[in-house]
C-alpha cells in the first residue's frame, strides 16, 4: 500500500456497512404497550405515533445482545471485504454511549474479538478507543480519524493506513417501559465505515472538511429539567430517579435541536465561504421527522437541489432514532439505493446530548 505523502493527503470513505437487529417494534406494538397515552381506537383510525414523529417501526436487541455485538457484526462485514493486513497500522474509533461495561472500551473488545492487535501478530501501534459524543459519535469519529490520518510531525513517520469509525448503541435497553416520549423514538443499530488516504481509482465519499462543536447546556444541574441524560449510580442527578435510564425533556430537545443544528450549519457555511446552494443533499441527525421538517421549513429553507429533489434526506420512518448510527445509517441506505451520483455534495450534520454538534462534508466519487 502506498504510504502517506504530501501528494495523497486527501481522504475518502471507501465503504460503509450496517447492522440492524431482527426484531421490529411497530407502532401497533407501542400503542398496545402504552394504553394510557394511546387509548384503544377504531382499527381504521390514523397511526397516531406516525403522525406525531414520522416513525413507523424501529429495531430492538433481544436476549443478551450488546453494543459490542452489534458493532462487531457491522465491522466484520467491512473486514470480510477489506481485511486488515499484518503490516497495516490501523485505528478503531467507536462512537457509543452505551458500552455494556464501564471498561474495557467497546473498541478494545472488538479488536480482541477480531484478532487485529499486536498479540495476534499485527502492527504494534494498532489502537482503539470509544467516543462518548452521543448522537454525534460518527461525526466526531470521522473528525478524529481525519486528524490522525493527516497528522504531521512525529506521527507522520508512521501514519495510519486506515481508520475504522464504528457506531453502536443498544438504546432500547435504557428506555423506561412507560415513557411514551422516548419509546416511540429510539431504535437500535450499528454502522462501520473505513477511511483511507485517497488513491487513484478509489470510489466512495471524499472528505472535503469536518467540523465539531460542543454547546454545554445544563450539564451539571441536579434537577428534573435535564434536556437529555442518563444518570448512573455515580451521578448526583440519580437521587430519587431510576439509574441507567434515559431522562429526556422532549420539548427542550426539540427546540434546541432545531436551533443549534441550523445555527451550526449556517455558521459552517459562513466560515468556509460555502453557499447552501452548493449542497446537493443534507443529512441531519435523524431525531424526529416532525422536528426535521420544522427545522428545514423555519430555519434552513434548503429547498430543492439541481435534480429538483428535496435536499434534506431522511430514513427515520423505518429505523427510528438510532443515536450515533443515525447519520451514517441514512447515508448508507441512500447510497445502497443508488441515490447519489458522481460529484454530488452530501453534508451530514449531527446533534447529540451535551449538546454535541458535528459536520462531515463529502463529495461523491463514483
Protein backbone atom coordinates (compact mmCIF):
# COMPACT_ATOMS: atom_id res chain seq x y z
CA UNK A 1 0.00 0.00 0.00
CA UNK A 2 1.23 3.49 -0.86
CA UNK A 3 2.15 5.37 2.30
CA UNK A 4 1.27 8.93 3.19
CA UNK A 5 2.90 11.70 1.17
CA UNK A 6 2.09 15.33 0.50
CA UNK A 7 0.69 14.16 -2.83
CA UNK A 8 -2.01 11.89 -1.38
CA UNK A 9 -3.23 13.79 1.64
CA UNK A 10 -6.90 13.71 0.69
CA UNK A 11 -9.14 11.23 2.48
CA UNK A 12 -12.02 9.06 1.33
CA UNK A 13 -14.65 6.86 2.96
CA UNK A 14 -14.39 3.80 0.74
CA UNK A 15 -17.09 1.67 2.32
CA UNK A 16 -19.88 1.66 4.90
CA UNK A 17 -21.78 -1.25 6.41
CA UNK A 18 -24.62 -1.52 8.89
CA UNK A 19 -26.34 -3.92 11.26
CA UNK A 20 -29.96 -3.90 12.40
CA UNK A 21 -31.33 -6.39 14.94
CA UNK A 22 -34.03 -8.68 13.57
CA UNK A 23 -36.80 -7.78 16.00
CA UNK A 24 -39.07 -4.90 14.95
CA UNK A 25 -41.23 -2.73 17.20
CA UNK A 26 -44.18 -1.33 15.28
CA UNK A 27 -46.46 1.50 16.28
CA UNK A 28 -49.22 -1.02 16.88
CA UNK A 29 -46.93 -2.77 19.39
CA UNK A 30 -46.25 0.51 21.17
CA UNK A 31 -49.89 1.58 21.31
CA UNK A 32 -50.72 -1.72 22.99
CA UNK A 33 -47.89 -1.22 25.50
CA UNK A 34 -48.76 2.43 26.20
CA UNK A 35 -52.56 2.41 26.61
CA UNK A 36 -52.63 5.46 28.90
CA UNK A 37 -51.04 7.61 26.20
CA UNK A 38 -52.65 5.85 23.25
CA UNK A 39 -56.06 4.53 24.34
CA UNK A 40 -57.63 1.87 22.10
CA UNK A 41 -59.30 3.24 18.99
CA UNK A 42 -61.01 2.03 15.87
CA UNK A 43 -58.69 -0.04 13.68
CA UNK A 44 -59.34 2.27 10.74
CA UNK A 45 -58.08 5.35 12.62
CA UNK A 46 -54.83 7.03 11.64
CA UNK A 47 -51.47 5.93 13.00
CA UNK A 48 -51.12 8.37 15.89
CA UNK A 49 -47.43 7.76 16.54
CA UNK A 50 -46.51 8.17 12.87
CA UNK A 51 -48.48 11.40 12.70
CA UNK A 52 -46.57 12.66 15.73
CA UNK A 53 -42.94 11.71 14.93
CA UNK A 54 -42.87 10.25 11.40
CA UNK A 55 -41.72 6.78 12.52
CA UNK A 56 -43.46 3.51 11.65
CA UNK A 57 -41.08 0.99 13.18
CA UNK A 58 -37.74 0.62 14.91
CA UNK A 59 -35.44 -2.31 15.79
CA UNK A 60 -34.53 -3.67 19.22
CA UNK A 61 -31.92 -6.07 20.52
CA UNK A 62 -33.10 -9.21 22.27
CA UNK A 63 -31.68 -11.68 24.77
CA UNK A 64 -28.14 -10.69 25.72
CA UNK A 65 -27.05 -8.83 22.56
CA UNK A 66 -24.80 -5.87 23.42
CA UNK A 67 -23.47 -2.74 21.75
CA UNK A 68 -20.19 -4.59 21.22
CA UNK A 69 -22.05 -7.44 19.50
CA UNK A 70 -23.84 -5.08 17.12
CA UNK A 71 -20.63 -3.16 16.39
CA UNK A 72 -18.84 -6.43 15.71
CA UNK A 73 -21.44 -7.57 13.19
CA UNK A 74 -21.20 -4.30 11.25
CA UNK A 75 -17.39 -4.17 11.34
CA UNK A 76 -17.00 -7.82 10.30
CA UNK A 77 -18.95 -7.07 7.12
CA UNK A 78 -16.30 -4.49 6.23
CA UNK A 79 -13.35 -6.70 7.16
CA UNK A 80 -14.70 -9.59 5.09
CA UNK A 81 -14.35 -7.34 2.04
CA UNK A 82 -11.29 -5.32 3.09
CA UNK A 83 -9.27 -7.19 5.73
CA UNK A 84 -6.55 -5.61 7.84
CA UNK A 85 -3.11 -6.67 6.63
CA UNK A 86 -0.36 -7.63 9.06
CA UNK A 87 1.81 -4.62 8.19
CA UNK A 88 -1.02 -2.05 8.20
CA UNK A 89 -1.33 0.45 11.01
CA UNK A 90 -4.98 0.95 11.84
CA UNK A 91 -7.14 2.83 14.32
CA UNK A 92 -10.61 1.94 15.55
CA UNK A 93 -12.84 4.78 16.82
CA UNK A 94 -16.18 3.66 18.25
CA UNK A 95 -18.97 6.16 18.76
CA UNK A 96 -21.09 4.84 21.62
CA UNK A 97 -22.51 5.95 24.96
CA UNK A 98 -23.85 2.50 25.78
CA UNK A 99 -20.87 0.25 26.38
CA UNK A 100 -22.23 -2.66 28.41
CA UNK A 101 -19.12 -2.36 30.63
CA UNK A 102 -17.57 0.68 32.27
CA UNK A 103 -14.34 -0.60 30.78
CA UNK A 104 -12.68 -2.02 28.76
CA UNK A 105 -13.86 0.01 25.78
CA UNK A 106 -16.02 -1.39 23.01
CA UNK A 107 -13.07 -0.70 20.69
CA UNK A 108 -10.72 -2.85 22.77
CA UNK A 109 -13.22 -5.71 22.91
CA UNK A 110 -13.74 -5.55 19.14
CA UNK A 111 -10.01 -5.60 18.43
CA UNK A 112 -9.61 -8.72 20.56
CA UNK A 113 -12.64 -10.45 19.05
CA UNK A 114 -11.45 -9.75 15.51
CA UNK A 115 -7.81 -10.54 16.27
CA UNK A 116 -6.18 -7.35 14.96
CA UNK A 117 -3.80 -6.44 17.79
CA UNK A 118 -0.06 -6.85 18.37
CA UNK A 119 -0.90 -10.02 20.33
CA UNK A 120 -2.27 -11.50 17.11
CA UNK A 121 0.79 -10.60 15.04
CA UNK A 122 -0.49 -7.27 13.70
CA UNK A 123 1.10 -3.80 13.84
CA UNK A 124 2.27 -2.93 17.36
CA UNK A 125 0.66 0.54 17.13
CA UNK A 126 -2.84 -0.57 16.20
CA UNK A 127 -5.15 1.29 18.58
CA UNK A 128 -8.78 1.75 19.52
CA UNK A 129 -10.95 3.90 21.75
CA UNK A 130 -14.57 4.92 22.34
CA UNK A 131 -16.04 8.37 21.72
CA UNK A 132 -18.86 9.47 24.01
CA UNK A 133 -20.49 12.15 21.87
CA UNK A 134 -23.97 10.54 21.90
CA UNK A 135 -25.76 11.10 18.57
CA UNK A 136 -22.65 12.87 17.21
CA UNK A 137 -20.49 9.76 17.68
CA UNK A 138 -19.95 9.22 13.95
CA UNK A 139 -19.17 12.83 13.02
CA UNK A 140 -16.77 13.11 15.98
CA UNK A 141 -15.22 9.81 14.93
CA UNK A 142 -14.68 10.90 11.33
CA UNK A 143 -13.23 14.22 12.55
CA UNK A 144 -10.80 12.36 14.81
CA UNK A 145 -9.92 9.91 12.05
CA UNK A 146 -9.16 12.71 9.62
CA UNK A 147 -6.89 14.42 12.15
CA UNK A 148 -4.92 11.21 12.72
CA UNK A 149 -4.67 10.21 9.07
CA UNK A 150 -3.35 13.67 8.15
CA UNK A 151 -1.05 14.01 11.17
CA UNK A 152 2.31 15.68 10.62
CA UNK A 153 5.50 15.76 12.66
CA UNK A 154 6.40 12.69 14.66
CA UNK A 155 3.16 10.89 13.83
CA UNK A 156 3.79 11.24 10.10
CA UNK A 157 6.82 8.96 10.41
CA UNK A 158 4.40 6.04 10.66
CA UNK A 159 0.96 7.24 9.54
CA UNK A 160 -2.22 5.25 9.86
CA UNK A 161 -3.14 3.31 6.74
CA UNK A 162 -6.84 3.27 7.54
CA UNK A 163 -9.23 4.20 10.32
CA UNK A 164 -12.45 2.40 11.09
CA UNK A 165 -15.26 4.52 12.53
CA UNK A 166 -17.88 2.31 14.16
CA UNK A 167 -21.15 3.26 15.88
CA UNK A 168 -23.40 1.15 18.10
CA UNK A 169 -25.94 1.89 20.84
CA UNK A 170 -28.41 -0.52 22.43
CA UNK A 171 -30.59 2.45 23.30
CA UNK A 172 -33.81 0.47 23.72
CA UNK A 173 -32.28 -1.08 26.86
CA UNK A 174 -32.26 2.28 28.70
CA UNK A 175 -35.81 3.39 27.86
CA UNK A 176 -38.33 3.30 30.69
CA UNK A 177 -41.17 0.93 29.83
CA UNK A 178 -43.92 3.52 30.29
CA UNK A 179 -42.06 6.55 28.90
CA UNK A 180 -44.09 7.28 25.80
CA UNK A 181 -41.88 10.21 24.81
CA UNK A 182 -38.76 8.05 24.30
CA UNK A 183 -40.22 4.64 23.47
CA UNK A 184 -41.74 5.92 20.22
CA UNK A 185 -38.49 7.49 19.00
CA UNK A 186 -35.50 5.24 19.52
CA UNK A 187 -34.19 2.09 17.86
CA UNK A 188 -31.02 0.00 17.95
CA UNK A 189 -28.45 -0.13 15.14
CA UNK A 190 -24.74 -0.20 14.32
CA UNK A 191 -22.60 1.02 11.44
CA UNK A 192 -18.98 0.68 10.35
CA UNK A 193 -17.07 2.97 7.97
CA UNK A 194 -13.49 2.78 6.72
CA UNK A 195 -11.45 5.87 5.86
CA UNK A 196 -8.23 5.84 3.85
CA UNK A 197 -5.83 8.12 2.03
CA UNK A 198 -7.35 8.65 -1.39
CA UNK A 199 -5.58 6.85 -4.24
CA UNK A 200 -6.26 6.87 -7.96
CA UNK A 201 -9.25 4.72 -8.83
CA UNK A 202 -10.77 4.67 -5.34
CA UNK A 203 -14.51 5.21 -5.09
CA UNK A 204 -16.66 6.34 -2.20
CA UNK A 205 -17.11 9.62 -0.38
CA UNK A 206 -14.21 12.06 -0.46
CA UNK A 207 -13.96 14.05 2.76
CA UNK A 208 -13.91 17.75 1.94
CA UNK A 209 -13.96 19.03 5.51
CA UNK A 210 -15.09 18.11 9.03
CA UNK A 211 -16.12 20.34 11.92
CA UNK A 212 -17.22 19.68 15.51
CA UNK A 213 -18.57 21.78 18.36
CA UNK A 214 -19.86 21.37 21.91
CA UNK A 215 -22.55 23.60 23.37
CA UNK A 216 -22.58 22.79 27.08
CA UNK A 217 -26.18 23.19 28.26
CA UNK A 218 -27.39 22.37 31.80
CA UNK A 219 -24.88 19.53 32.01
CA UNK A 220 -24.45 19.54 35.80
CA UNK A 221 -27.75 20.74 37.19
CA UNK A 222 -29.35 18.20 39.51
CA UNK A 223 -32.99 18.76 38.61
CA UNK A 224 -35.86 17.27 36.65
CA UNK A 225 -35.49 19.55 33.66
CA UNK A 226 -32.43 17.95 32.06
CA UNK A 227 -32.57 18.23 28.29
CA UNK A 228 -31.34 14.66 27.90
CA UNK A 229 -29.11 12.49 30.09
CA UNK A 230 -28.65 9.04 31.60
CA UNK A 231 -27.85 9.25 35.33
CA UNK A 232 -25.77 6.42 36.79
CA UNK A 233 -25.16 5.28 40.34
CA UNK A 234 -22.24 7.74 40.43
CA UNK A 235 -24.35 10.75 39.46
CA UNK A 236 -25.79 13.35 41.82
CA UNK A 237 -28.71 13.54 39.40
CA UNK A 238 -29.60 9.95 40.25
CA UNK A 239 -31.10 10.79 43.65
CA UNK A 240 -34.72 9.71 43.64
CA UNK A 241 -34.56 8.64 39.99
CA UNK A 242 -34.14 5.44 38.07
CA UNK A 243 -30.47 4.99 37.27
CA UNK A 244 -29.16 3.86 33.91
CA UNK A 245 -32.36 5.04 32.20
CA UNK A 246 -32.77 7.86 29.72
CA UNK A 247 -34.10 11.16 31.05
CA UNK A 248 -35.29 13.48 28.28
CA UNK A 249 -37.26 16.69 28.15
CA UNK A 250 -38.68 16.26 24.67
CA UNK A 251 -39.88 19.83 24.23
CA UNK A 252 -36.49 21.31 25.13
CA UNK A 253 -34.60 18.89 22.90
CA UNK A 254 -36.98 19.68 20.03
CA UNK A 255 -36.40 23.43 20.37
CA UNK A 256 -32.64 23.21 20.90
CA UNK A 257 -32.18 20.61 18.17
CA UNK A 258 -33.71 22.82 15.50
CA UNK A 259 -31.87 25.93 16.66
CA UNK A 260 -28.41 24.51 17.28
CA UNK A 261 -28.30 22.32 14.17
CA UNK A 262 -29.41 25.18 11.94
CA UNK A 263 -27.05 27.72 13.50
CA UNK A 264 -24.09 25.36 13.33
CA UNK A 265 -24.72 24.58 9.66
CA UNK A 266 -25.13 28.25 8.74
CA UNK A 267 -22.02 29.26 10.71
CA UNK A 268 -20.07 26.49 8.97
CA UNK A 269 -21.14 27.79 5.57
CA UNK A 270 -20.25 31.35 6.54
CA UNK A 271 -16.83 30.44 7.94
CA UNK A 272 -15.75 28.41 4.91
CA UNK A 273 -17.44 30.54 2.23
CA UNK A 274 -19.90 27.85 1.21
CA UNK A 275 -23.24 28.69 -0.31
CA UNK A 276 -26.02 26.35 0.85
CA UNK A 277 -26.86 26.12 -2.85
CA UNK A 278 -23.65 24.10 -3.30
CA UNK A 279 -25.00 21.31 -1.10
CA UNK A 280 -26.91 18.68 -3.09
CA UNK A 281 -28.06 16.59 -0.12
CA UNK A 282 -28.29 17.39 3.59
CA UNK A 283 -28.47 14.57 6.15
CA UNK A 284 -29.25 15.82 9.67
CA UNK A 285 -29.40 13.69 12.79
CA UNK A 286 -32.48 11.51 12.36
CA UNK A 287 -34.19 12.53 15.58
CA UNK A 288 -37.86 13.09 14.82
CA UNK A 289 -39.35 13.69 11.37
CA UNK A 290 -41.58 16.48 12.59
CA UNK A 291 -38.53 18.22 14.04
CA UNK A 292 -36.60 17.81 10.77
CA UNK A 293 -39.48 19.19 8.72
CA UNK A 294 -39.86 22.17 11.04
CA UNK A 295 -36.11 22.85 11.04
CA UNK A 296 -35.99 22.88 7.26
CA UNK A 297 -39.13 24.96 6.85
CA UNK A 298 -38.46 27.56 9.52
CA UNK A 299 -34.65 27.77 9.79
CA UNK A 300 -32.67 26.20 6.94
CA UNK A 301 -35.05 26.62 3.98
CA UNK A 302 -32.83 24.38 1.88
CA UNK A 303 -35.33 23.86 -0.89
CA UNK A 304 -34.60 21.63 -3.87
CA UNK A 305 -31.30 20.55 -5.42
CA UNK A 306 -30.14 20.56 -9.04
CA UNK A 307 -32.22 17.44 -9.68
CA UNK A 308 -35.40 19.09 -8.46
CA UNK A 309 -35.40 16.89 -5.34
CA UNK A 310 -35.68 17.92 -1.71
CA UNK A 311 -32.17 18.36 -0.32
CA UNK A 312 -32.94 17.00 3.13
CA UNK A 313 -32.78 13.21 3.35
CA UNK A 314 -34.38 11.03 5.99
CA UNK A 315 -34.66 7.30 6.68
CA UNK A 316 -36.13 7.59 10.17
CA UNK A 317 -39.50 6.13 9.14
CA UNK A 318 -38.34 2.50 9.29
CA UNK A 319 -35.49 2.62 11.84
CA UNK A 320 -36.24 5.44 14.29
CA UNK A 321 -33.58 7.48 16.06
CA UNK A 322 -30.51 5.23 16.23
CA UNK A 323 -28.27 7.60 18.26
CA UNK A 324 -24.65 7.57 16.93
CA UNK A 325 -25.66 5.42 13.94
CA UNK A 326 -28.28 7.91 12.81
CA UNK A 327 -26.42 9.92 10.15
CA UNK A 328 -24.14 7.17 8.72
CA UNK A 329 -27.08 4.75 8.52
CA UNK A 330 -29.05 7.29 6.49
CA UNK A 331 -26.03 7.85 4.22
CA UNK A 332 -25.61 4.08 3.82
CA UNK A 333 -29.27 3.48 2.99
CA UNK A 334 -29.44 6.13 0.26
CA UNK A 335 -26.04 5.09 -1.14
CA UNK A 336 -27.12 1.46 -1.47
CA UNK A 337 -30.31 2.59 -3.22
CA UNK A 338 -28.16 4.31 -5.88
CA UNK A 339 -29.47 7.73 -4.89
CA UNK A 340 -26.16 9.60 -5.26
CA UNK A 341 -24.31 10.48 -8.45
CA UNK A 342 -20.65 11.25 -9.09
CA UNK A 343 -19.80 14.78 -7.99
CA UNK A 344 -22.77 15.18 -5.64
CA UNK A 345 -22.02 17.05 -2.43
CA UNK A 346 -23.51 15.45 0.68
CA UNK A 347 -23.30 17.17 4.05
CA UNK A 348 -24.08 15.32 7.28
CA UNK A 349 -24.83 17.34 10.40
CA UNK A 350 -25.26 15.69 13.81
CA UNK A 351 -26.83 16.84 17.06
CA UNK A 352 -26.31 14.91 20.28
CA UNK A 353 -26.68 15.13 24.04
CA UNK A 354 -24.40 17.62 25.70
CA UNK A 355 -25.02 19.24 23.28
CA UNK A 356 -22.59 17.96 20.65
CA UNK A 357 -22.61 19.07 17.02
CA UNK A 358 -20.67 17.76 14.07
CA UNK A 359 -20.40 18.17 10.30
CA UNK A 360 -18.90 15.82 7.74
CA UNK A 361 -18.82 17.40 4.26
CA UNK A 362 -18.49 14.86 1.43
CA UNK A 363 -18.12 14.67 -2.34
CA UNK A 364 -19.32 11.53 -4.12
CA UNK A 365 -16.59 9.79 -6.14
CA UNK A 366 -18.24 7.01 -8.13
